[in-house]
């Protein structure tokens, strides 16, 4: 690969990595909230 292609791929890679991590955290939080709401774990059963 040329130097320009290498720079482009590194730039794209380092820009996309945080989005992948943040997207994973957001998806996990969303699924957890759905499960909590579905299972009603936020209510006390006494």
Protein backbone atom coordinates (compact mmCIF):
# COMPACT_ATOMS: atom_id res chain seq x y z
CA UNK A 1 0.00 0.00 0.00
CA UNK A 2 1.07 3.52 -0.56
CA UNK A 3 1.70 5.94 2.27
CA UNK A 4 -1.56 7.76 1.50
CA UNK A 5 -3.59 4.54 1.71
CA UNK A 6 -1.89 3.63 4.99
CA UNK A 7 -2.68 7.05 6.46
CA UNK A 8 -6.32 6.81 5.33
CA UNK A 9 -6.78 3.31 6.81
CA UNK A 10 -5.15 4.27 10.12
CA UNK A 11 -7.30 7.42 10.31
CA UNK A 12 -10.49 5.50 9.55
CA UNK A 13 -9.55 2.79 12.02
CA UNK A 14 -8.86 5.18 14.87
CA UNK A 15 -12.04 7.13 14.15
CA UNK A 16 -14.23 4.01 14.02
CA UNK A 17 -12.83 2.24 17.11
CA UNK A 18 -14.37 4.67 19.65
CA UNK A 19 -17.68 4.52 17.80
CA UNK A 20 -17.67 0.72 18.02
CA UNK A 21 -16.92 0.81 21.76
CA UNK A 22 -19.53 3.50 22.47
CA UNK A 23 -22.07 1.70 20.31
CA UNK A 24 -21.44 -1.51 22.23
CA UNK A 25 -21.88 0.22 25.57
CA UNK A 26 -25.07 1.92 24.35
CA UNK A 27 -26.50 -1.34 23.02
CA UNK A 28 -25.65 -3.16 26.26
CA UNK A 29 -27.27 -0.43 28.35
CA UNK A 30 -30.36 -0.46 26.13
CA UNK A 31 -30.74 -4.23 26.37
CA UNK A 32 -30.18 -4.12 30.14
CA UNK A 33 -32.87 -1.46 30.52
CA UNK A 34 -35.28 -3.53 28.44
CA UNK A 35 -34.58 -6.62 30.55
CA UNK A 36 -35.02 -4.70 33.80
CA UNK A 37 -38.30 -3.29 32.55
CA UNK A 38 -39.43 -6.69 31.25
CA UNK A 39 -38.50 -8.55 34.42
CA UNK A 40 -39.64 -5.70 36.69
CA UNK A 41 -36.43 -5.94 38.71
CA UNK A 42 -36.71 -2.30 39.72
CA UNK A 43 -39.79 -2.95 41.89
CA UNK A 44 -39.65 -4.38 45.38
CA UNK A 45 -41.72 -7.48 45.90
CA UNK A 46 -42.67 -7.83 49.54
